[in-house]
PDB file of all heavy atoms in Angstrom:
ATOM      1  N   ASP A   1      -0.813  -1.709 -10.760  1.00  0.00           N
ATOM      2  CA  ASP A   1      -1.406  -0.671 -11.601  1.00  0.00           C
ATOM      3  C   ASP A   1      -0.331   0.339 -11.963  1.00  0.00           C
ATOM      4  O   ASP A   1       0.604   0.561 -11.186  1.00  0.00           O
ATOM      5  CB  ASP A   1      -2.552   0.029 -10.866  1.00  0.00           C
ATOM      6  CG  ASP A   1      -3.553   0.661 -11.819  1.00  0.00           C
ATOM      7  OD1 ASP A   1      -3.167   1.599 -12.553  1.00  0.00           O
ATOM      8  OD2 ASP A   1      -4.721   0.232 -11.837  1.00  0.00           O
ATOM      9  N   VAL A   2      -0.482   0.985 -13.122  1.00  0.00           N
ATOM     10  CA  VAL A   2       0.412   2.075 -13.481  1.00  0.00           C
ATOM     11  C   VAL A   2       0.058   3.327 -12.697  1.00  0.00           C
ATOM     12  O   VAL A   2       0.888   4.205 -12.489  1.00  0.00           O
ATOM     13  CB  VAL A   2       0.355   2.341 -15.003  1.00  0.00           C
ATOM     14  CG1 VAL A   2      -1.004   2.908 -15.418  1.00  0.00           C
ATOM     15  CG2 VAL A   2       1.499   3.233 -15.459  1.00  0.00           C
ATOM     16  N   GLY A   3      -1.198   3.411 -12.239  1.00  0.00           N
ATOM     17  CA  GLY A   3      -1.634   4.497 -11.378  1.00  0.00           C
ATOM     18  C   GLY A   3      -1.484   4.131  -9.918  1.00  0.00           C
ATOM     19  O   GLY A   3      -0.803   3.156  -9.571  1.00  0.00           O
ATOM     20  N   ASP A   4      -2.148   4.876  -9.069  1.00  0.00           N
ATOM     21  CA  ASP A   4      -1.988   4.707  -7.628  1.00  0.00           C
ATOM     22  C   ASP A   4      -3.045   3.763  -7.059  1.00  0.00           C
ATOM     23  O   ASP A   4      -4.187   4.162  -6.835  1.00  0.00           O
ATOM     24  CB  ASP A   4      -2.065   6.066  -6.931  1.00  0.00           C
ATOM     25  CG  ASP A   4      -1.717   5.971  -5.450  1.00  0.00           C
ATOM     26  OD1 ASP A   4      -1.307   4.882  -4.999  1.00  0.00           O
ATOM     27  OD2 ASP A   4      -1.857   6.990  -4.744  1.00  0.00           O
ATOM     28  N   ALA A   5      -2.665   2.529  -6.816  1.00  0.00           N
ATOM     29  CA  ALA A   5      -3.566   1.557  -6.197  1.00  0.00           C
ATOM     30  C   ALA A   5      -3.360   1.465  -4.693  1.00  0.00           C
ATOM     31  O   ALA A   5      -3.945   0.597  -4.046  1.00  0.00           O
ATOM     32  CB  ALA A   5      -3.385   0.175  -6.831  1.00  0.00           C
ATOM     33  N   ALA A   6      -2.518   2.352  -4.136  1.00  0.00           N
ATOM     34  CA  ALA A   6      -2.280   2.324  -2.696  1.00  0.00           C
ATOM     35  C   ALA A   6      -3.556   2.536  -1.886  1.00  0.00           C
ATOM     36  O   ALA A   6      -3.764   1.851  -0.868  1.00  0.00           O
ATOM     37  CB  ALA A   6      -1.226   3.350  -2.311  1.00  0.00           C
ATOM     38  N   PRO A   7      -4.461   3.459  -2.285  1.00  0.00           N
ATOM     39  CA  PRO A   7      -5.706   3.598  -1.512  1.00  0.00           C
ATOM     40  C   PRO A   7      -6.533   2.316  -1.478  1.00  0.00           C
ATOM     41  O   PRO A   7      -7.138   1.996  -0.447  1.00  0.00           O
ATOM     42  CB  PRO A   7      -6.444   4.726  -2.244  1.00  0.00           C
ATOM     43  CG  PRO A   7      -5.362   5.529  -2.876  1.00  0.00           C
ATOM     44  CD  PRO A   7      -4.331   4.530  -3.285  1.00  0.00           C
ATOM     45  N   ALA A   8      -6.567   1.586  -2.583  1.00  0.00           N
ATOM     46  CA  ALA A   8      -7.295   0.319  -2.594  1.00  0.00           C
ATOM     47  C   ALA A   8      -6.620  -0.700  -1.676  1.00  0.00           C
ATOM     48  O   ALA A   8      -7.291  -1.445  -0.949  1.00  0.00           O
ATOM     49  CB  ALA A   8      -7.391  -0.232  -4.014  1.00  0.00           C
ATOM     50  N   ALA A   9      -5.288  -0.740  -1.700  1.00  0.00           N
ATOM     51  CA  ALA A   9      -4.561  -1.639  -0.798  1.00  0.00           C
ATOM     52  C   ALA A   9      -4.801  -1.252   0.658  1.00  0.00           C
ATOM     53  O   ALA A   9      -4.961  -2.115   1.528  1.00  0.00           O
ATOM     54  CB  ALA A   9      -3.067  -1.613  -1.116  1.00  0.00           C
ATOM     55  N   ASP A  10      -4.848   0.061   0.924  1.00  0.00           N
ATOM     56  CA  ASP A  10      -5.130   0.524   2.285  1.00  0.00           C
ATOM     57  C   ASP A  10      -6.528   0.118   2.730  1.00  0.00           C
ATOM     58  O   ASP A  10      -6.742  -0.230   3.896  1.00  0.00           O
ATOM     59  CB  ASP A  10      -4.988   2.044   2.354  1.00  0.00           C
ATOM     60  CG  ASP A  10      -3.546   2.507   2.204  1.00  0.00           C
ATOM     61  OD1 ASP A  10      -2.639   1.672   2.376  1.00  0.00           O
ATOM     62  OD2 ASP A  10      -3.347   3.700   1.906  1.00  0.00           O
ATOM     63  N   SER A  11      -7.497   0.165   1.802  1.00  0.00           N
ATOM     64  CA  SER A  11      -8.863  -0.244   2.137  1.00  0.00           C
ATOM     65  C   SER A  11      -8.902  -1.709   2.550  1.00  0.00           C
ATOM     66  O   SER A  11      -9.615  -2.089   3.487  1.00  0.00           O
ATOM     67  CB  SER A  11      -9.794  -0.007   0.946  1.00  0.00           C
ATOM     68  OG  SER A  11      -9.913   1.369   0.656  1.00  0.00           O
ATOM     69  N   ILE A  12      -8.140  -2.537   1.850  1.00  0.00           N
ATOM     70  CA  ILE A  12      -8.074  -3.950   2.209  1.00  0.00           C
ATOM     71  C   ILE A  12      -7.459  -4.114   3.597  1.00  0.00           C
ATOM     72  O   ILE A  12      -7.962  -4.881   4.426  1.00  0.00           O
ATOM     73  CB  ILE A  12      -7.270  -4.723   1.149  1.00  0.00           C
ATOM     74  CG1 ILE A  12      -8.074  -4.811  -0.162  1.00  0.00           C
ATOM     75  CG2 ILE A  12      -6.900  -6.125   1.645  1.00  0.00           C
ATOM     76  CD1 ILE A  12      -7.321  -5.419  -1.316  1.00  0.00           C
ATOM     77  N   ALA A  13      -6.373  -3.387   3.853  1.00  0.00           N
ATOM     78  CA  ALA A  13      -5.718  -3.484   5.162  1.00  0.00           C
ATOM     79  C   ALA A  13      -6.654  -3.030   6.282  1.00  0.00           C
ATOM     80  O   ALA A  13      -6.684  -3.636   7.366  1.00  0.00           O
ATOM     81  CB  ALA A  13      -4.440  -2.651   5.162  1.00  0.00           C
ATOM     82  N   GLU A  14      -7.431  -1.977   6.013  1.00  0.00           N
ATOM     83  CA  GLU A  14      -8.367  -1.477   7.028  1.00  0.00           C
ATOM     84  C   GLU A  14      -9.449  -2.502   7.368  1.00  0.00           C
ATOM     85  O   GLU A  14      -9.987  -2.504   8.479  1.00  0.00           O
ATOM     86  CB  GLU A  14      -9.015  -0.177   6.538  1.00  0.00           C
ATOM     87  CG  GLU A  14      -8.054   1.007   6.519  1.00  0.00           C
ATOM     88  CD  GLU A  14      -8.614   2.185   5.761  1.00  0.00           C
ATOM     89  OE1 GLU A  14      -9.799   2.111   5.339  1.00  0.00           O
ATOM     90  OE2 GLU A  14      -7.887   3.187   5.581  1.00  0.00           O
ATOM     91  N   LEU A  15      -9.753  -3.360   6.411  1.00  0.00           N
ATOM     92  CA  LEU A  15     -10.741  -4.411   6.635  1.00  0.00           C
ATOM     93  C   LEU A  15     -10.111  -5.677   7.206  1.00  0.00           C
ATOM     94  O   LEU A  15     -10.785  -6.702   7.357  1.00  0.00           O
ATOM     95  CB  LEU A  15     -11.460  -4.739   5.315  1.00  0.00           C
ATOM     96  CG  LEU A  15     -12.331  -3.605   4.749  1.00  0.00           C
ATOM     97  CD1 LEU A  15     -12.805  -3.963   3.339  1.00  0.00           C
ATOM     98  CD2 LEU A  15     -13.522  -3.340   5.662  1.00  0.00           C
ATOM     99  N   GLY A  16      -8.826  -5.610   7.519  1.00  0.00           N
ATOM    100  CA  GLY A  16      -8.143  -6.746   8.120  1.00  0.00           C
ATOM    101  C   GLY A  16      -7.476  -7.674   7.139  1.00  0.00           C
ATOM    102  O   GLY A  16      -6.982  -8.744   7.519  1.00  0.00           O
ATOM    103  N   GLY A  17      -7.419  -7.287   5.860  1.00  0.00           N
ATOM    104  CA  GLY A  17      -6.790  -8.131   4.855  1.00  0.00           C
ATOM    105  C   GLY A  17      -5.317  -7.824   4.674  1.00  0.00           C
ATOM    106  O   GLY A  17      -4.772  -6.891   5.259  1.00  0.00           O
ATOM    107  N   ASP A  18      -4.686  -8.609   3.824  1.00  0.00           N
ATOM    108  CA  ASP A  18      -3.254  -8.496   3.550  1.00  0.00           C
ATOM    109  C   ASP A  18      -3.095  -8.068   2.102  1.00  0.00           C
ATOM    110  O   ASP A  18      -3.590  -8.751   1.192  1.00  0.00           O
ATOM    111  CB  ASP A  18      -2.588  -9.844   3.800  1.00  0.00           C
ATOM    112  CG  ASP A  18      -1.068  -9.733   3.845  1.00  0.00           C
ATOM    113  OD1 ASP A  18      -0.554  -8.610   3.988  1.00  0.00           O
ATOM    114  OD2 ASP A  18      -0.406 -10.784   3.737  1.00  0.00           O
ATOM    115  N   ALA A  19      -2.430  -6.938   1.857  1.00  0.00           N
ATOM    116  CA  ALA A  19      -2.331  -6.417   0.499  1.00  0.00           C
ATOM    117  C   ALA A  19      -1.034  -5.663   0.296  1.00  0.00           C
ATOM    118  O   ALA A  19      -0.436  -5.140   1.241  1.00  0.00           O
ATOM    119  CB  ALA A  19      -3.521  -5.496   0.189  1.00  0.00           C
ATOM    120  N   ILE A  20      -0.614  -5.590  -0.968  1.00  0.00           N
ATOM    121  CA  ILE A  20       0.560  -4.825  -1.356  1.00  0.00           C
ATOM    122  C   ILE A  20       0.256  -4.162  -2.691  1.00  0.00           C
ATOM    123  O   ILE A  20      -0.439  -4.730  -3.541  1.00  0.00           O
ATOM    124  CB  ILE A  20       1.819  -5.720  -1.460  1.00  0.00           C
ATOM    125  CG1 ILE A  20       3.057  -4.878  -1.740  1.00  0.00           C
ATOM    126  CG2 ILE A  20       1.640  -6.789  -2.538  1.00  0.00           C
ATOM    127  CD1 ILE A  20       4.355  -5.679  -1.727  1.00  0.00           C
ATOM    128  N   PHE A  21       0.772  -2.950  -2.880  1.00  0.00           N
ATOM    129  CA  PHE A  21       0.627  -2.232  -4.142  1.00  0.00           C
ATOM    130  C   PHE A  21       1.918  -2.354  -4.934  1.00  0.00           C
ATOM    131  O   PHE A  21       2.999  -2.046  -4.433  1.00  0.00           O
ATOM    132  CB  PHE A  21       0.290  -0.766  -3.866  1.00  0.00           C
ATOM    133  CG  PHE A  21       0.460   0.156  -5.049  1.00  0.00           C
ATOM    134  CD1 PHE A  21       0.069  -0.222  -6.331  1.00  0.00           C
ATOM    135  CD2 PHE A  21       1.012   1.423  -4.875  1.00  0.00           C
ATOM    136  CE1 PHE A  21       0.232   0.633  -7.416  1.00  0.00           C
ATOM    137  CE2 PHE A  21       1.164   2.292  -5.949  1.00  0.00           C
ATOM    138  CZ  PHE A  21       0.779   1.897  -7.217  1.00  0.00           C
ATOM    139  N   LEU A  22       1.806  -2.795  -6.185  1.00  0.00           N
ATOM    140  CA  LEU A  22       2.935  -2.900  -7.095  1.00  0.00           C
ATOM    141  C   LEU A  22       2.690  -1.953  -8.267  1.00  0.00           C
ATOM    142  O   LEU A  22       1.719  -2.126  -9.009  1.00  0.00           O
ATOM    143  CB  LEU A  22       3.080  -4.334  -7.623  1.00  0.00           C
ATOM    144  CG  LEU A  22       3.194  -5.443  -6.582  1.00  0.00           C
ATOM    145  CD1 LEU A  22       3.138  -6.806  -7.260  1.00  0.00           C
ATOM    146  CD2 LEU A  22       4.474  -5.292  -5.772  1.00  0.00           C
ATOM    147  N   ARG A  23       3.548  -0.960  -8.440  1.00  0.00           N
ATOM    148  CA  ARG A  23       3.360  -0.017  -9.545  1.00  0.00           C
ATOM    149  C   ARG A  23       4.099  -0.525 -10.788  1.00  0.00           C
ATOM    150  O   ARG A  23       5.314  -0.765 -10.743  1.00  0.00           O
ATOM    151  CB  ARG A  23       3.870   1.367  -9.182  1.00  0.00           C
ATOM    152  CG  ARG A  23       3.470   2.439 -10.216  1.00  0.00           C
ATOM    153  CD  ARG A  23       4.098   3.781  -9.906  1.00  0.00           C
ATOM    154  NE  ARG A  23       3.625   4.364  -8.673  1.00  0.00           N
ATOM    155  CZ  ARG A  23       2.519   5.105  -8.545  1.00  0.00           C
ATOM    156  NH1 ARG A  23       1.754   5.311  -9.596  1.00  0.00           N
ATOM    157  NH2 ARG A  23       2.181   5.615  -7.378  1.00  0.00           N
ATOM    158  N   ALA A  24       3.371  -0.685 -11.872  1.00  0.00           N
ATOM    159  CA  ALA A  24       3.994  -1.130 -13.115  1.00  0.00           C
ATOM    160  C   ALA A  24       3.081  -0.814 -14.285  1.00  0.00           C
ATOM    161  O   ALA A  24       1.856  -0.830 -14.169  1.00  0.00           O
ATOM    162  CB  ALA A  24       4.290  -2.631 -13.076  1.00  0.00           C
ATOM    163  N   ASP A  25       3.702  -0.534 -15.418  1.00  0.00           N
ATOM    164  CA  ASP A  25       3.011  -0.377 -16.690  1.00  0.00           C
ATOM    165  C   ASP A  25       3.081  -1.734 -17.390  1.00  0.00           C
ATOM    166  O   ASP A  25       4.175  -2.198 -17.732  1.00  0.00           O
ATOM    167  CB  ASP A  25       3.717   0.700 -17.518  1.00  0.00           C
ATOM    168  CG  ASP A  25       3.014   0.998 -18.833  1.00  0.00           C
ATOM    169  OD1 ASP A  25       2.262   0.140 -19.319  1.00  0.00           O
ATOM    170  OD2 ASP A  25       3.241   2.094 -19.381  1.00  0.00           O
ATOM    171  N   VAL A  26       1.933  -2.371 -17.605  1.00  0.00           N
ATOM    172  CA  VAL A  26       1.951  -3.736 -18.141  1.00  0.00           C
ATOM    173  C   VAL A  26       2.440  -3.785 -19.578  1.00  0.00           C
ATOM    174  O   VAL A  26       2.718  -4.878 -20.101  1.00  0.00           O
ATOM    175  CB  VAL A  26       0.561  -4.403 -18.027  1.00  0.00           C
ATOM    176  CG1 VAL A  26       0.155  -4.563 -16.570  1.00  0.00           C
ATOM    177  CG2 VAL A  26      -0.503  -3.631 -18.814  1.00  0.00           C
TER     178      VAL A  26
END
């Protein structure tokens, strides 16, 4: 996302998932 998707990635991690946030303007 061009914005901050880190909170969404953190939510996945808190649920036991594997996630990474990549910042980019498509």
